[in-house]
Amino acid sequence: MKKLLIAAALAATTVAAQADAVQTLRAFVRDVKTGRAEFTQTVTSPDGARKKTSSGRFEFARPDRFRFGYEKPFQQTIVADGQKVWIHDPDLNQVSSRRLSQALGATPAALLAGGSLESDFVLSNGGSLGGLEWAQATPRTPDGPFKSMKVGFRGAELAAVEIVDSFGQRSRLDFKGFEAGVALPAERFRFTVPAGADLLEQ
């Protein structure tokens, strides 16, 4: 009888923790209007044999403004200014842009920096793994570029995002030193095409 009570208590604790992950994600989208962190991104091939790692800084300001600054192993900047998403590859001296409504949709950036959550994603509990509580976010559009996304929290702090694309490739972003509610200059979310760069508009 005692073992049964212990098992029931553990199960109840697990359910509560899992429920908290979804609630934490909802609270994050609702309450955290700005944020920044360092990140490390690991991309794993579908067969798990190949991995690529990159790192940089991430900043966002709701709604629909964000900046990914990749610094290693090569530089790349992705900026959403509320109207368009700009991607700058300095090594290629090339900039591409597309309308925000076309670029975001049910994507990780929309999940982290957008103003809509339930309309784009079906949320469920992802359980505990690696010291984090995970919320599963499945895009409502079945034929999009991403099959699934998970958001991991350490307490109320954003700690990781894991994405599986339509080809089975897995990408994980681990965040370090996340700061919520920080004052971010508006120019962080503006982009000017560098002189001489090729511009590709989609």
N, C-alpha and C. Protein backbone atom coordinates (compact mmCIF):
# COMPACT_ATOMS: atom_id res chain seq x y z
N MET A 1 0.84 -1.20 0.00
CA MET A 1 0.00 0.00 0.00
C MET A 1 0.88 1.26 0.00
N LYS A 2 1.97 1.21 0.81
CA LYS A 2 2.85 2.36 0.91
C LYS A 2 3.51 2.65 -0.43
N LYS A 3 3.97 1.57 -1.13
CA LYS A 3 4.60 1.75 -2.44
C LYS A 3 3.62 2.37 -3.43
N LEU A 4 2.36 1.93 -3.35
CA LEU A 4 1.33 2.47 -4.24
C LEU A 4 1.14 3.96 -4.00
N LEU A 5 1.13 4.35 -2.73
CA LEU A 5 0.97 5.78 -2.40
C LEU A 5 2.16 6.59 -2.91
N ILE A 6 3.38 6.02 -2.75
CA ILE A 6 4.57 6.71 -3.23
C ILE A 6 4.53 6.86 -4.74
N ALA A 7 4.14 5.77 -5.43
CA ALA A 7 4.04 5.82 -6.89
C ALA A 7 3.00 6.85 -7.33
N ALA A 8 1.87 6.88 -6.62
CA ALA A 8 0.82 7.85 -6.95
C ALA A 8 1.31 9.27 -6.73
N ALA A 9 2.07 9.48 -5.65
CA ALA A 9 2.60 10.82 -5.36
C ALA A 9 3.60 11.24 -6.43
N LEU A 10 4.47 10.31 -6.86
CA LEU A 10 5.43 10.62 -7.91
C LEU A 10 4.73 10.93 -9.22
N ALA A 11 3.71 10.15 -9.54
CA ALA A 11 2.95 10.39 -10.77
C ALA A 11 2.28 11.75 -10.73
N ALA A 12 1.72 12.10 -9.58
CA ALA A 12 1.07 13.40 -9.45
C ALA A 12 2.08 14.53 -9.61
N THR A 13 3.28 14.35 -9.04
CA THR A 13 4.32 15.36 -9.16
C THR A 13 4.75 15.53 -10.60
N THR A 14 4.89 14.39 -11.32
CA THR A 14 5.28 14.45 -12.73
C THR A 14 4.24 15.16 -13.56
N VAL A 15 2.97 14.83 -13.35
CA VAL A 15 1.89 15.48 -14.09
C VAL A 15 1.89 16.98 -13.83
N ALA A 16 2.09 17.35 -12.56
CA ALA A 16 2.11 18.77 -12.22
C ALA A 16 3.27 19.47 -12.91
N ALA A 17 4.45 18.83 -12.92
CA ALA A 17 5.62 19.43 -13.56
C ALA A 17 5.40 19.59 -15.05
N GLN A 18 4.80 18.55 -15.68
CA GLN A 18 4.55 18.62 -17.10
C GLN A 18 3.54 19.71 -17.43
N ALA A 19 2.49 19.79 -16.61
CA ALA A 19 1.49 20.83 -16.84
C ALA A 19 2.11 22.20 -16.72
N ASP A 20 3.06 22.33 -15.79
CA ASP A 20 3.72 23.62 -15.58
C ASP A 20 4.49 24.05 -16.82
N ALA A 21 5.06 23.11 -17.58
CA ALA A 21 5.85 23.48 -18.75
C ALA A 21 4.98 24.19 -19.78
N VAL A 22 3.78 23.70 -20.02
CA VAL A 22 2.88 24.36 -20.97
C VAL A 22 2.46 25.72 -20.42
N GLN A 23 2.14 25.77 -19.13
CA GLN A 23 1.75 27.04 -18.53
C GLN A 23 2.92 28.03 -18.55
N THR A 24 4.14 27.52 -18.34
CA THR A 24 5.31 28.39 -18.38
C THR A 24 5.50 28.97 -19.77
N LEU A 25 5.30 28.15 -20.81
CA LEU A 25 5.42 28.64 -22.18
C LEU A 25 4.36 29.70 -22.46
N ARG A 26 3.13 29.44 -22.03
CA ARG A 26 2.07 30.44 -22.23
C ARG A 26 2.41 31.74 -21.52
N ALA A 27 2.92 31.63 -20.30
CA ALA A 27 3.29 32.83 -19.53
C ALA A 27 4.45 33.55 -20.20
N PHE A 28 5.41 32.79 -20.74
CA PHE A 28 6.55 33.38 -21.42
C PHE A 28 6.09 34.23 -22.61
N VAL A 29 5.20 33.67 -23.42
CA VAL A 29 4.71 34.40 -24.60
C VAL A 29 3.85 35.59 -24.18
N ARG A 30 3.08 35.41 -23.10
CA ARG A 30 2.18 36.48 -22.65
C ARG A 30 2.91 37.62 -21.94
N ASP A 31 3.88 37.27 -21.11
CA ASP A 31 4.43 38.26 -20.18
C ASP A 31 5.82 38.79 -20.55
N VAL A 32 6.62 37.98 -21.22
CA VAL A 32 8.00 38.40 -21.51
C VAL A 32 8.00 39.14 -22.85
N LYS A 33 8.07 40.44 -22.78
CA LYS A 33 7.96 41.27 -23.99
C LYS A 33 9.29 41.47 -24.70
N THR A 34 10.38 41.40 -23.96
CA THR A 34 11.71 41.52 -24.56
C THR A 34 12.63 40.51 -23.89
N GLY A 35 13.71 40.17 -24.59
CA GLY A 35 14.67 39.26 -23.99
C GLY A 35 15.93 39.16 -24.85
N ARG A 36 16.99 38.66 -24.23
CA ARG A 36 18.23 38.43 -24.97
C ARG A 36 19.02 37.34 -24.27
N ALA A 37 19.84 36.66 -25.04
CA ALA A 37 20.65 35.58 -24.51
C ALA A 37 21.74 35.21 -25.50
N GLU A 38 22.76 34.54 -25.02
CA GLU A 38 23.72 33.88 -25.89
C GLU A 38 23.14 32.51 -26.25
N PHE A 39 23.49 32.00 -27.42
CA PHE A 39 22.98 30.69 -27.79
C PHE A 39 24.05 29.86 -28.48
N THR A 40 23.89 28.55 -28.37
CA THR A 40 24.67 27.59 -29.14
C THR A 40 23.67 26.72 -29.89
N GLN A 41 23.85 26.60 -31.19
CA GLN A 41 22.94 25.82 -32.02
C GLN A 41 23.66 24.58 -32.54
N THR A 42 23.03 23.44 -32.35
CA THR A 42 23.57 22.17 -32.84
C THR A 42 22.57 21.56 -33.82
N VAL A 43 23.02 21.34 -35.04
CA VAL A 43 22.17 20.75 -36.08
C VAL A 43 22.65 19.33 -36.33
N THR A 44 21.72 18.37 -36.22
CA THR A 44 22.05 16.95 -36.37
C THR A 44 21.31 16.39 -37.58
N SER A 45 22.03 15.67 -38.42
CA SER A 45 21.42 15.08 -39.62
C SER A 45 20.40 14.03 -39.22
N PRO A 46 19.46 13.69 -40.13
CA PRO A 46 18.41 12.71 -39.80
C PRO A 46 18.94 11.37 -39.30
N ASP A 47 20.10 10.94 -39.80
CA ASP A 47 20.66 9.66 -39.35
C ASP A 47 21.52 9.80 -38.10
N GLY A 48 21.66 11.03 -37.59
CA GLY A 48 22.43 11.27 -36.38
C GLY A 48 23.93 11.23 -36.56
N ALA A 49 24.39 11.05 -37.79
CA ALA A 49 25.83 10.86 -38.04
C ALA A 49 26.60 12.16 -38.12
N ARG A 50 25.94 13.24 -38.51
CA ARG A 50 26.65 14.51 -38.73
C ARG A 50 26.06 15.60 -37.86
N LYS A 51 26.96 16.41 -37.29
CA LYS A 51 26.53 17.52 -36.46
C LYS A 51 27.29 18.79 -36.85
N LYS A 52 26.59 19.90 -36.83
CA LYS A 52 27.20 21.20 -37.05
C LYS A 52 26.83 22.11 -35.88
N THR A 53 27.82 22.85 -35.40
CA THR A 53 27.58 23.72 -34.25
C THR A 53 27.90 25.16 -34.60
N SER A 54 27.04 26.07 -34.18
CA SER A 54 27.26 27.50 -34.36
C SER A 54 26.82 28.21 -33.09
N SER A 55 27.21 29.47 -32.96
CA SER A 55 26.87 30.21 -31.74
C SER A 55 26.74 31.69 -32.04
N GLY A 56 26.08 32.38 -31.11
CA GLY A 56 25.90 33.82 -31.28
C GLY A 56 25.00 34.39 -30.21
N ARG A 57 24.29 35.45 -30.57
CA ARG A 57 23.40 36.13 -29.63
C ARG A 57 22.01 36.27 -30.24
N PHE A 58 21.00 36.19 -29.37
CA PHE A 58 19.60 36.28 -29.77
C PHE A 58 18.92 37.38 -28.96
N GLU A 59 18.13 38.22 -29.65
CA GLU A 59 17.37 39.27 -28.99
C GLU A 59 15.98 39.32 -29.60
N PHE A 60 14.98 39.68 -28.80
CA PHE A 60 13.64 39.84 -29.37
C PHE A 60 12.86 40.90 -28.62
N ALA A 61 11.88 41.46 -29.33
CA ALA A 61 10.94 42.41 -28.74
C ALA A 61 9.59 42.16 -29.40
N ARG A 62 8.62 41.76 -28.61
CA ARG A 62 7.30 41.48 -29.18
C ARG A 62 6.60 42.77 -29.56
N PRO A 63 5.75 42.72 -30.60
CA PRO A 63 5.54 41.55 -31.43
C PRO A 63 6.44 41.55 -32.67
N ASP A 64 6.92 40.39 -33.03
CA ASP A 64 7.51 40.12 -34.35
C ASP A 64 8.80 40.87 -34.66
N ARG A 65 9.58 41.17 -33.64
CA ARG A 65 10.90 41.74 -33.89
C ARG A 65 11.94 40.87 -33.19
N PHE A 66 12.95 40.47 -33.93
CA PHE A 66 14.00 39.66 -33.33
C PHE A 66 15.28 39.82 -34.12
N ARG A 67 16.37 39.38 -33.50
CA ARG A 67 17.68 39.45 -34.11
C ARG A 67 18.50 38.23 -33.69
N PHE A 68 18.92 37.44 -34.65
CA PHE A 68 19.87 36.37 -34.43
C PHE A 68 21.20 36.82 -35.02
N GLY A 69 22.23 36.92 -34.18
CA GLY A 69 23.55 37.29 -34.67
C GLY A 69 24.49 36.10 -34.52
N TYR A 70 24.67 35.36 -35.61
CA TYR A 70 25.60 34.23 -35.59
C TYR A 70 27.03 34.76 -35.69
N GLU A 71 27.89 34.29 -34.79
CA GLU A 71 29.26 34.78 -34.74
C GLU A 71 30.29 33.71 -35.09
N LYS A 72 30.03 32.46 -34.74
CA LYS A 72 30.93 31.35 -35.02
C LYS A 72 30.14 30.17 -35.58
N PRO A 73 30.70 29.41 -36.51
CA PRO A 73 32.02 29.53 -37.14
C PRO A 73 32.05 30.59 -38.26
N PHE A 74 30.89 31.13 -38.64
CA PHE A 74 30.86 32.20 -39.63
C PHE A 74 29.79 33.19 -39.22
N GLN A 75 29.89 34.40 -39.75
CA GLN A 75 28.95 35.45 -39.38
C GLN A 75 27.72 35.42 -40.28
N GLN A 76 26.58 35.60 -39.65
CA GLN A 76 25.32 35.77 -40.36
C GLN A 76 24.37 36.51 -39.43
N THR A 77 23.59 37.42 -39.98
CA THR A 77 22.64 38.19 -39.19
C THR A 77 21.24 38.00 -39.76
N ILE A 78 20.29 37.70 -38.88
CA ILE A 78 18.89 37.59 -39.26
C ILE A 78 18.11 38.59 -38.42
N VAL A 79 17.42 39.51 -39.08
CA VAL A 79 16.70 40.57 -38.38
C VAL A 79 15.26 40.61 -38.87
N ALA A 80 14.33 40.62 -37.92
CA ALA A 80 12.92 40.86 -38.24
C ALA A 80 12.55 42.22 -37.67
N ASP A 81 12.06 43.10 -38.54
CA ASP A 81 11.77 44.47 -38.12
C ASP A 81 10.29 44.74 -37.91
N GLY A 82 9.48 43.67 -37.92
CA GLY A 82 8.04 43.82 -37.77
C GLY A 82 7.31 43.80 -39.09
N GLN A 83 8.03 44.04 -40.19
CA GLN A 83 7.45 44.03 -41.53
C GLN A 83 8.11 42.98 -42.41
N LYS A 84 9.44 42.90 -42.33
CA LYS A 84 10.20 41.97 -43.16
C LYS A 84 11.23 41.23 -42.31
N VAL A 85 11.70 40.12 -42.85
CA VAL A 85 12.83 39.40 -42.28
C VAL A 85 14.01 39.55 -43.23
N TRP A 86 15.14 39.98 -42.69
CA TRP A 86 16.36 40.21 -43.48
C TRP A 86 17.42 39.21 -43.06
N ILE A 87 18.10 38.63 -44.03
CA ILE A 87 19.21 37.71 -43.76
C ILE A 87 20.44 38.23 -44.48
N HIS A 88 21.49 38.49 -43.70
CA HIS A 88 22.72 39.07 -44.26
C HIS A 88 23.86 38.08 -44.10
N ASP A 89 24.46 37.69 -45.22
CA ASP A 89 25.65 36.84 -45.22
C ASP A 89 26.85 37.67 -45.66
N PRO A 90 27.65 38.16 -44.73
CA PRO A 90 28.79 39.01 -45.09
C PRO A 90 29.79 38.33 -46.03
N ASP A 91 30.03 37.04 -45.84
CA ASP A 91 31.00 36.34 -46.67
C ASP A 91 30.59 36.33 -48.13
N LEU A 92 29.27 36.28 -48.37
CA LEU A 92 28.76 36.29 -49.74
C LEU A 92 28.42 37.70 -50.21
N ASN A 93 28.50 38.67 -49.29
CA ASN A 93 28.09 40.04 -49.59
C ASN A 93 26.67 40.05 -50.16
N GLN A 94 25.78 39.32 -49.47
CA GLN A 94 24.43 39.10 -49.99
C GLN A 94 23.39 39.28 -48.89
N VAL A 95 22.27 39.89 -49.26
CA VAL A 95 21.15 40.09 -48.35
C VAL A 95 19.89 39.54 -49.02
N SER A 96 19.10 38.79 -48.28
CA SER A 96 17.80 38.36 -48.78
C SER A 96 16.73 38.85 -47.82
N SER A 97 15.55 39.11 -48.37
CA SER A 97 14.46 39.58 -47.53
C SER A 97 13.14 39.00 -48.02
N ARG A 98 12.22 38.87 -47.08
CA ARG A 98 10.87 38.45 -47.44
C ARG A 98 9.90 39.00 -46.42
N ARG A 99 8.65 39.07 -46.80
CA ARG A 99 7.64 39.62 -45.89
C ARG A 99 7.55 38.76 -44.64
N LEU A 100 7.34 39.42 -43.52
CA LEU A 100 7.29 38.73 -42.24
C LEU A 100 6.20 37.66 -42.22
N SER A 101 5.04 37.98 -42.79
CA SER A 101 3.93 37.03 -42.77
C SER A 101 4.27 35.75 -43.53
N GLN A 102 5.12 35.87 -44.54
CA GLN A 102 5.53 34.69 -45.29
C GLN A 102 6.65 33.94 -44.59
N ALA A 103 7.50 34.67 -43.87
CA ALA A 103 8.69 34.07 -43.29
C ALA A 103 8.42 33.37 -41.96
N LEU A 104 7.48 33.90 -41.16
CA LEU A 104 7.30 33.35 -39.83
C LEU A 104 6.35 32.16 -39.81
N GLY A 105 5.02 32.45 -39.76
CA GLY A 105 4.08 31.34 -39.66
C GLY A 105 4.37 30.53 -38.42
N ALA A 106 4.30 29.20 -38.54
CA ALA A 106 4.55 28.31 -37.42
C ALA A 106 6.03 27.92 -37.40
N THR A 107 6.88 28.87 -37.04
CA THR A 107 8.33 28.65 -37.00
C THR A 107 8.84 28.89 -35.59
N PRO A 108 10.08 28.47 -35.29
CA PRO A 108 10.63 28.73 -33.96
C PRO A 108 10.67 30.20 -33.60
N ALA A 109 10.99 31.05 -34.58
CA ALA A 109 11.04 32.48 -34.30
C ALA A 109 9.66 33.01 -33.92
N ALA A 110 8.62 32.50 -34.58
CA ALA A 110 7.26 32.91 -34.24
C ALA A 110 6.91 32.44 -32.83
N LEU A 111 7.40 31.26 -32.48
CA LEU A 111 7.12 30.72 -31.16
C LEU A 111 7.77 31.57 -30.08
N LEU A 112 9.00 32.04 -30.32
CA LEU A 112 9.74 32.79 -29.31
C LEU A 112 9.40 34.27 -29.30
N ALA A 113 9.19 34.85 -30.48
CA ALA A 113 9.08 36.31 -30.56
C ALA A 113 7.73 36.79 -31.05
N GLY A 114 6.89 35.88 -31.54
CA GLY A 114 5.60 36.29 -32.07
C GLY A 114 4.60 36.60 -30.97
N GLY A 115 3.46 37.11 -31.38
CA GLY A 115 2.41 37.42 -30.42
C GLY A 115 1.34 36.37 -30.37
N SER A 116 1.36 35.42 -31.30
CA SER A 116 0.34 34.39 -31.38
C SER A 116 0.95 33.05 -31.00
N LEU A 117 0.20 32.24 -30.28
CA LEU A 117 0.71 30.94 -29.86
C LEU A 117 -0.29 29.85 -30.18
N GLU A 118 -1.44 29.90 -29.55
CA GLU A 118 -2.43 28.84 -29.70
C GLU A 118 -2.97 28.76 -31.13
N SER A 119 -2.98 29.86 -31.86
CA SER A 119 -3.51 29.82 -33.22
C SER A 119 -2.56 29.12 -34.19
N ASP A 120 -1.26 29.11 -33.87
CA ASP A 120 -0.27 28.49 -34.76
C ASP A 120 0.18 27.11 -34.30
N PHE A 121 0.04 26.82 -33.00
CA PHE A 121 0.59 25.58 -32.45
C PHE A 121 -0.41 24.86 -31.56
N VAL A 122 -0.32 23.54 -31.57
CA VAL A 122 -1.01 22.70 -30.59
C VAL A 122 0.01 22.39 -29.48
N LEU A 123 -0.32 22.75 -28.25
CA LEU A 123 0.61 22.59 -27.15
C LEU A 123 0.31 21.33 -26.35
N SER A 124 1.37 20.67 -25.92
CA SER A 124 1.22 19.49 -25.06
C SER A 124 2.44 19.39 -24.17
N ASN A 125 2.37 18.50 -23.20
CA ASN A 125 3.45 18.35 -22.23
C ASN A 125 4.54 17.45 -22.79
N GLY A 126 5.79 17.89 -22.66
CA GLY A 126 6.91 17.12 -23.17
C GLY A 126 7.70 16.40 -22.11
N GLY A 127 7.30 16.55 -20.84
CA GLY A 127 7.98 15.84 -19.77
C GLY A 127 9.27 16.49 -19.34
N SER A 128 10.01 15.78 -18.49
CA SER A 128 11.28 16.26 -17.95
C SER A 128 12.42 15.50 -18.59
N LEU A 129 13.46 16.23 -19.00
CA LEU A 129 14.62 15.59 -19.59
C LEU A 129 15.81 16.55 -19.48
N GLY A 130 16.95 16.02 -19.04
CA GLY A 130 18.15 16.82 -18.97
C GLY A 130 18.06 18.00 -18.02
N GLY A 131 17.26 17.86 -16.96
CA GLY A 131 17.12 18.93 -15.99
C GLY A 131 16.19 20.05 -16.42
N LEU A 132 15.48 19.86 -17.54
CA LEU A 132 14.55 20.88 -18.04
C LEU A 132 13.14 20.31 -18.10
N GLU A 133 12.17 21.22 -18.02
CA GLU A 133 10.76 20.86 -18.26
C GLU A 133 10.42 21.32 -19.67
N TRP A 134 9.86 20.39 -20.45
CA TRP A 134 9.64 20.65 -21.87
C TRP A 134 8.16 20.79 -22.22
N ALA A 135 7.88 21.76 -23.07
CA ALA A 135 6.54 21.90 -23.67
C ALA A 135 6.66 21.60 -25.16
N GLN A 136 5.78 20.75 -25.64
CA GLN A 136 5.78 20.38 -27.06
C GLN A 136 4.86 21.34 -27.81
N ALA A 137 5.34 21.86 -28.94
CA ALA A 137 4.54 22.76 -29.78
C ALA A 137 4.51 22.20 -31.19
N THR A 138 3.36 21.68 -31.59
CA THR A 138 3.21 21.07 -32.91
C THR A 138 2.50 22.05 -33.83
N PRO A 139 3.10 22.41 -34.97
CA PRO A 139 2.44 23.36 -35.88
C PRO A 139 1.09 22.84 -36.34
N ARG A 140 0.11 23.73 -36.40
CA ARG A 140 -1.21 23.34 -36.86
C ARG A 140 -1.23 23.11 -38.37
N THR A 141 -0.27 23.71 -39.09
CA THR A 141 -0.17 23.50 -40.54
C THR A 141 0.69 22.25 -40.78
N PRO A 142 0.08 21.16 -41.30
CA PRO A 142 0.81 19.90 -41.38
C PRO A 142 1.89 19.86 -42.46
N ASP A 143 1.79 20.71 -43.47
CA ASP A 143 2.74 20.66 -44.58
C ASP A 143 3.78 21.77 -44.51
N GLY A 144 4.03 22.31 -43.32
CA GLY A 144 5.02 23.36 -43.16
C GLY A 144 6.42 22.79 -43.10
N PRO A 145 7.42 23.65 -42.93
CA PRO A 145 8.81 23.19 -42.93
C PRO A 145 9.24 22.49 -41.65
N PHE A 146 8.42 22.58 -40.58
CA PHE A 146 8.79 21.98 -39.31
C PHE A 146 7.74 20.97 -38.86
N LYS A 147 8.21 19.82 -38.40
CA LYS A 147 7.31 18.78 -37.90
C LYS A 147 6.94 19.03 -36.45
N SER A 148 7.91 19.42 -35.65
CA SER A 148 7.65 19.61 -34.23
C SER A 148 8.70 20.51 -33.62
N MET A 149 8.32 21.10 -32.48
CA MET A 149 9.23 21.92 -31.71
C MET A 149 9.00 21.67 -30.24
N LYS A 150 10.07 21.73 -29.47
CA LYS A 150 9.98 21.62 -28.02
C LYS A 150 10.70 22.80 -27.40
N VAL A 151 10.12 23.34 -26.34
CA VAL A 151 10.72 24.46 -25.63
C VAL A 151 11.01 24.01 -24.21
N GLY A 152 12.27 24.14 -23.78
CA GLY A 152 12.67 23.70 -22.46
C GLY A 152 12.90 24.87 -21.52
N PHE A 153 12.39 24.71 -20.29
CA PHE A 153 12.53 25.76 -19.28
C PHE A 153 13.23 25.21 -18.05
N ARG A 154 14.04 26.06 -17.45
CA ARG A 154 14.64 25.78 -16.15
C ARG A 154 13.97 26.72 -15.17
N GLY A 155 12.97 26.21 -14.48
CA GLY A 155 12.09 27.09 -13.71
C GLY A 155 11.26 27.90 -14.71
N ALA A 156 11.31 29.23 -14.59
CA ALA A 156 10.60 30.08 -15.54
C ALA A 156 11.51 30.61 -16.63
N GLU A 157 12.79 30.20 -16.60
CA GLU A 157 13.77 30.74 -17.55
C GLU A 157 13.85 29.90 -18.81
N LEU A 158 13.79 30.57 -19.96
CA LEU A 158 13.97 29.89 -21.24
C LEU A 158 15.37 29.30 -21.31
N ALA A 159 15.46 27.99 -21.59
CA ALA A 159 16.77 27.33 -21.58
C ALA A 159 17.13 26.70 -22.92
N ALA A 160 16.15 26.20 -23.67
CA ALA A 160 16.47 25.49 -24.91
C ALA A 160 15.25 25.40 -25.82
N VAL A 161 15.53 25.26 -27.10
CA VAL A 161 14.49 24.97 -28.10
C VAL A 161 15.03 23.86 -29.00
N GLU A 162 14.21 22.87 -29.24
CA GLU A 162 14.60 21.77 -30.12
C GLU A 162 13.58 21.66 -31.25
N ILE A 163 14.08 21.55 -32.49
CA ILE A 163 13.23 21.59 -33.67
C ILE A 163 13.53 20.39 -34.54
N VAL A 164 12.49 19.76 -35.07
CA VAL A 164 12.65 18.71 -36.07
C VAL A 164 11.97 19.20 -37.34
N ASP A 165 12.74 19.29 -38.45
CA ASP A 165 12.14 19.80 -39.68
C ASP A 165 11.50 18.67 -40.48
N SER A 166 10.92 19.03 -41.61
CA SER A 166 10.16 18.06 -42.40
C SER A 166 11.04 16.98 -43.01
N PHE A 167 12.37 17.16 -43.00
CA PHE A 167 13.30 16.16 -43.52
C PHE A 167 13.88 15.28 -42.41
N GLY A 168 13.47 15.55 -41.17
CA GLY A 168 13.99 14.78 -40.05
C GLY A 168 15.26 15.33 -39.45
N GLN A 169 15.72 16.47 -39.93
CA GLN A 169 16.92 17.10 -39.35
C GLN A 169 16.54 17.76 -38.02
N ARG A 170 17.40 17.58 -37.03
CA ARG A 170 17.12 18.09 -35.69
C ARG A 170 18.06 19.26 -35.37
N SER A 171 17.47 20.35 -34.90
CA SER A 171 18.25 21.52 -34.48
C SER A 171 17.92 21.83 -33.03
N ARG A 172 18.95 22.09 -32.26
CA ARG A 172 18.74 22.46 -30.86
C ARG A 172 19.49 23.74 -30.55
N LEU A 173 18.78 24.68 -29.94
CA LEU A 173 19.38 25.92 -29.47
C LEU A 173 19.39 25.89 -27.95
N ASP A 174 20.58 26.01 -27.38
CA ASP A 174 20.72 26.11 -25.93
C ASP A 174 21.07 27.55 -25.59
N PHE A 175 20.27 28.13 -24.69
CA PHE A 175 20.44 29.53 -24.33
C PHE A 175 21.20 29.66 -23.01
N LYS A 176 22.04 30.68 -22.93
CA LYS A 176 22.83 30.94 -21.73
C LYS A 176 22.69 32.40 -21.35
N GLY A 177 22.49 32.65 -20.06
CA GLY A 177 22.40 34.02 -19.58
C GLY A 177 21.18 34.75 -20.08
N PHE A 178 20.04 34.05 -20.15
CA PHE A 178 18.83 34.70 -20.65
C PHE A 178 18.40 35.84 -19.73
N GLU A 179 18.13 37.01 -20.33
CA GLU A 179 17.65 38.18 -19.60
C GLU A 179 16.29 38.56 -20.15
N ALA A 180 15.30 38.59 -19.29
CA ALA A 180 13.94 38.94 -19.68
C ALA A 180 13.62 40.37 -19.29
N GLY A 181 12.80 41.02 -20.11
CA GLY A 181 12.33 42.36 -19.78
C GLY A 181 13.39 43.43 -19.86
N VAL A 182 14.40 43.23 -20.69
CA VAL A 182 15.48 44.21 -20.79
C VAL A 182 15.11 45.30 -21.81
N ALA A 183 15.68 46.47 -21.62
CA ALA A 183 15.48 47.56 -22.57
C ALA A 183 16.39 47.34 -23.78
N LEU A 184 15.81 47.21 -24.95
CA LEU A 184 16.57 46.98 -26.17
C LEU A 184 16.35 48.14 -27.13
N PRO A 185 17.41 48.76 -27.61
CA PRO A 185 17.26 49.89 -28.54
C PRO A 185 16.51 49.46 -29.81
N ALA A 186 15.67 50.35 -30.32
CA ALA A 186 14.89 50.04 -31.52
C ALA A 186 15.77 49.72 -32.71
N GLU A 187 16.96 50.32 -32.74
CA GLU A 187 17.84 50.09 -33.90
C GLU A 187 18.36 48.66 -33.96
N ARG A 188 18.25 47.91 -32.87
CA ARG A 188 18.66 46.51 -32.92
C ARG A 188 17.78 45.70 -33.87
N PHE A 189 16.59 46.23 -34.15
CA PHE A 189 15.64 45.51 -35.01
C PHE A 189 15.38 46.27 -36.31
N ARG A 190 16.36 47.08 -36.69
CA ARG A 190 16.33 47.73 -38.00
C ARG A 190 17.48 47.19 -38.82
N PHE A 191 17.27 47.12 -40.12
CA PHE A 191 18.35 46.61 -40.97
C PHE A 191 18.50 47.51 -42.18
N THR A 192 19.73 47.88 -42.47
CA THR A 192 20.06 48.65 -43.66
C THR A 192 20.98 47.81 -44.54
N VAL A 193 20.60 47.68 -45.79
CA VAL A 193 21.40 46.87 -46.71
C VAL A 193 22.76 47.53 -46.89
N PRO A 194 23.85 46.80 -46.64
CA PRO A 194 25.18 47.39 -46.80
C PRO A 194 25.44 47.80 -48.24
N ALA A 195 26.17 48.88 -48.41
CA ALA A 195 26.51 49.36 -49.75
C ALA A 195 27.25 48.26 -50.53
N GLY A 196 26.81 48.04 -51.75
CA GLY A 196 27.45 47.06 -52.62
C GLY A 196 26.97 45.64 -52.46
N ALA A 197 26.13 45.37 -51.46
CA ALA A 197 25.64 44.02 -51.26
C ALA A 197 24.54 43.68 -52.26
N ASP A 198 24.48 42.44 -52.70
CA ASP A 198 23.39 41.98 -53.55
C ASP A 198 22.15 41.77 -52.72
N LEU A 199 21.00 42.25 -53.21
CA LEU A 199 19.73 42.12 -52.50
C LEU A 199 18.80 41.19 -53.27
N LEU A 200 18.37 40.14 -52.60
CA LEU A 200 17.41 39.19 -53.17
C LEU A 200 16.11 39.30 -52.39
N GLU A 201 15.06 39.78 -53.06
CA GLU A 201 13.77 39.94 -52.40
C GLU A 201 12.84 38.80 -52.83
N GLN A 202 12.24 38.15 -51.86
CA GLN A 202 11.38 37.01 -52.14
C GLN A 202 9.93 37.36 -51.88
